Amino acid sequence: MSTTTHTSATRSGLMGGYIRAMDRLSRVSAYIACAMFIAGVLVICQMVFTRYVLGWSTSWQTEFTIFSVTGAMLMGSPYVLMTGGHVAITILPDAIGGLGRKVMLTLASLFGFAFCAALAYASWVYVFEALHGEWTTGSVWNPPLWPALLPMAVGTTLLAFQYVADMLRGEG
């Protein structure tokens, strides 16, 4: 979906304000995802240098990279939905066209929203349990677990809200 489509389909008033706010939040989330991904790549480079050039062992780099790159994927998902960058099989809706296409896309968006809302709720419960239970990863590094879980909760929450924005925009 191009930016011009989003601009022309944006509404005014409360719905338009919600759509614009979600689009801004999705862009901010994408920047955070980019920073998390870059951090993961830099840590991998540091790990390779430490292990294979200096011959030292590593303790935290693999775990950090897994958390940062996975978190980047989840934090970037609202932006991907907003821009239409996700993988979609649209042969049936495109073949049907018209109202049938609109109904199918709306149903798909409603299912996507319901799934993301349920995952967001469960993710926030998990984050708070990890925080209050002082859970750690159990690895050699053994950091607290809740910071690694936070991108899942934030990303799925923003993704659910982005589904709503897309439906209000008329894209779902």
Protein backbone atom coordinates (compact mmCIF):
# COMPACT_ATOMS: atom_id res chain seq x y z
CA MET A 1 0.00 0.00 0.00
CA SER A 2 1.54 3.30 -0.97
CA THR A 3 1.68 6.40 1.19
CA THR A 4 -0.53 8.28 -1.26
CA THR A 5 -3.27 5.71 -0.76
CA HIS A 6 -3.06 6.22 2.98
CA THR A 7 -3.15 10.00 2.61
CA SER A 8 -6.17 10.02 0.30
CA ALA A 9 -8.04 7.49 2.44
CA THR A 10 -7.45 9.30 5.73
CA ARG A 11 -10.59 10.57 7.42
CA SER A 12 -11.11 13.72 9.43
CA GLY A 13 -12.36 14.04 13.00
CA LEU A 14 -11.85 11.45 15.69
CA MET A 15 -11.39 8.53 13.28
CA GLY A 16 -8.87 10.48 11.24
CA GLY A 17 -7.01 11.47 14.39
CA TYR A 18 -6.85 7.83 15.48
CA ILE A 19 -5.60 6.71 12.07
CA ARG A 20 -2.91 9.41 11.98
CA ALA A 21 -1.84 8.66 15.57
CA MET A 22 -1.56 4.94 14.84
CA ASP A 23 0.38 5.59 11.66
CA ARG A 24 2.82 7.76 13.62
CA LEU A 25 3.14 5.14 16.37
CA SER A 26 3.73 2.46 13.73
CA ARG A 27 6.51 4.54 12.20
CA VAL A 28 8.12 5.12 15.61
CA SER A 29 7.84 1.41 16.30
CA ALA A 30 9.59 0.72 12.98
CA TYR A 31 12.49 2.99 13.97
CA ILE A 32 12.78 1.17 17.29
CA ALA A 33 12.72 -2.15 15.41
CA CYS A 34 15.49 -0.90 13.14
CA ALA A 35 17.63 0.08 16.13
CA MET A 36 17.02 -3.31 17.76
CA PHE A 37 17.99 -5.13 14.58
CA ILE A 38 21.15 -3.05 14.16
CA ALA A 39 22.05 -3.73 17.80
CA GLY A 40 21.65 -7.46 17.18
CA VAL A 41 23.87 -7.33 14.08
CA LEU A 42 26.55 -5.31 15.89
CA VAL A 43 26.58 -7.74 18.79
CA ILE A 44 26.97 -10.66 16.37
CA CYS A 45 29.96 -8.88 14.82
CA GLN A 46 31.41 -8.30 18.29
CA MET A 47 30.84 -11.96 19.16
CA VAL A 48 32.61 -13.18 16.03
CA PHE A 49 35.55 -10.87 16.72
CA THR A 50 35.73 -11.88 20.39
CA ARG A 51 35.48 -15.60 19.66
CA TYR A 52 37.49 -16.07 16.51
CA VAL A 53 40.00 -13.22 16.57
CA LEU A 54 40.68 -12.89 20.29
CA GLY A 55 39.89 -16.51 21.13
CA TRP A 56 37.78 -15.56 24.14
CA SER A 57 34.52 -17.20 25.13
CA THR A 58 31.23 -15.37 24.89
CA SER A 59 28.41 -15.48 27.38
CA TRP A 60 25.66 -12.99 26.57
CA GLN A 61 25.88 -12.24 22.85
CA THR A 62 23.77 -15.10 21.46
CA GLU A 63 20.95 -14.51 23.91
CA PHE A 64 21.02 -10.73 23.36
CA THR A 65 20.91 -11.21 19.59
CA ILE A 66 17.97 -13.61 19.77
CA PHE A 67 16.02 -11.19 21.95
CA SER A 68 16.87 -8.08 19.93
CA VAL A 69 16.19 -9.54 16.48
CA THR A 70 12.97 -11.26 17.61
CA GLY A 71 11.89 -8.05 19.32
CA ALA A 72 12.68 -6.12 16.13
CA MET A 73 10.40 -8.40 14.14
CA LEU A 74 7.55 -7.87 16.59
CA MET A 75 8.09 -4.11 16.92
CA GLY A 76 8.23 -3.72 13.14
CA SER A 77 5.00 -5.61 12.47
CA PRO A 78 2.60 -2.63 12.86
CA TYR A 79 4.55 -0.69 10.22
CA VAL A 80 4.55 -3.68 7.89
CA LEU A 81 0.76 -3.94 8.19
CA MET A 82 0.33 -0.19 7.71
CA THR A 83 2.39 -0.20 4.50
CA GLY A 84 0.92 -3.44 3.14
CA GLY A 85 4.32 -5.13 3.25
CA HIS A 86 3.02 -8.39 4.70
CA VAL A 87 2.59 -11.53 2.65
CA ALA A 88 -0.99 -11.90 1.49
CA ILE A 89 -2.66 -14.37 -0.83
CA THR A 90 -5.37 -12.32 -2.50
CA ILE A 91 -6.26 -14.43 -5.53
CA LEU A 92 -9.77 -15.22 -4.27
CA PRO A 93 -10.71 -11.70 -3.07
CA ASP A 94 -9.24 -10.21 -6.25
CA ALA A 95 -11.20 -12.67 -8.40
CA ILE A 96 -14.46 -11.94 -6.56
CA GLY A 97 -14.02 -8.16 -6.51
CA GLY A 98 -16.54 -5.60 -5.31
CA LEU A 99 -18.52 -6.18 -2.14
CA GLY A 100 -17.38 -9.81 -1.80
CA ARG A 101 -13.76 -8.67 -1.79
CA LYS A 102 -14.51 -6.02 0.82
CA VAL A 103 -16.30 -8.54 3.07
CA MET A 104 -13.44 -11.05 2.81
CA LEU A 105 -10.79 -8.41 3.61
CA THR A 106 -12.86 -7.11 6.54
CA LEU A 107 -13.27 -10.64 7.94
CA ALA A 108 -9.54 -11.26 7.56
CA SER A 109 -8.80 -8.00 9.38
CA LEU A 110 -11.24 -8.89 12.16
CA PHE A 111 -9.59 -12.29 12.62
CA GLY A 112 -6.16 -10.65 12.55
CA PHE A 113 -7.27 -8.11 15.12
CA ALA A 114 -8.79 -10.77 17.39
CA PHE A 115 -5.65 -12.91 17.25
CA CYS A 116 -3.34 -9.94 17.93
CA ALA A 117 -5.55 -8.63 20.74
CA ALA A 118 -5.53 -12.04 22.44
CA LEU A 119 -1.77 -12.36 21.97
CA ALA A 120 -1.23 -8.83 23.27
CA TYR A 121 -3.29 -9.53 26.38
CA ALA A 122 -1.43 -12.78 27.07
CA SER A 123 1.90 -11.05 26.40
CA TRP A 124 1.21 -8.28 28.91
CA VAL A 125 0.22 -10.89 31.51
CA TYR A 126 3.47 -12.72 30.79
CA VAL A 127 5.55 -9.52 31.07
CA PHE A 128 3.99 -8.61 34.42
CA GLU A 129 4.42 -12.15 35.75
CA ALA A 130 8.08 -12.10 34.72
CA LEU A 131 8.55 -8.65 36.28
CA HIS A 132 6.84 -9.38 39.58
CA GLY A 133 8.22 -12.92 39.80
CA GLU A 134 11.71 -11.59 39.09
CA TRP A 135 12.14 -14.25 36.42
CA THR A 136 15.48 -14.56 34.69
CA THR A 137 16.48 -16.40 31.55
CA GLY A 138 18.36 -19.14 33.40
CA SER A 139 21.37 -18.82 31.11
CA VAL A 140 24.99 -18.10 32.02
CA TRP A 141 24.29 -14.40 31.49
CA ASN A 142 20.95 -14.72 33.36
CA PRO A 143 19.37 -11.29 32.76
CA PRO A 144 15.82 -10.46 33.89
CA LEU A 145 13.31 -11.88 31.43
CA TRP A 146 10.73 -9.07 31.31
CA PRO A 147 12.76 -6.68 29.08
CA ALA A 148 13.07 -9.43 26.48
CA LEU A 149 9.30 -10.04 26.60
CA LEU A 150 8.31 -6.36 26.44
CA PRO A 151 8.68 -6.00 22.63
CA MET A 152 6.24 -8.87 22.17
CA ALA A 153 3.62 -7.12 24.29
CA VAL A 154 4.18 -3.67 22.77
CA GLY A 155 4.46 -4.96 19.19
CA THR A 156 1.31 -7.09 19.29
CA THR A 157 -0.62 -4.31 21.01
CA LEU A 158 0.36 -1.80 18.33
CA LEU A 159 -0.37 -4.38 15.64
CA ALA A 160 -3.90 -4.89 16.99
CA PHE A 161 -4.45 -1.12 17.07
CA GLN A 162 -3.07 -0.84 13.52
CA TYR A 163 -5.64 -3.41 12.37
CA VAL A 164 -8.32 -1.09 13.76
CA ALA A 165 -6.78 1.88 11.94
CA ASP A 166 -6.71 -0.06 8.66
CA MET A 167 -10.35 -1.06 9.06
CA LEU A 168 -11.33 2.55 9.81
CA ARG A 169 -9.30 3.65 6.79
CA GLY A 170 -11.34 1.23 4.70
CA GLU A 171 -8.46 -1.12 3.86
CA GLY A 172 -9.68 -4.11 5.78
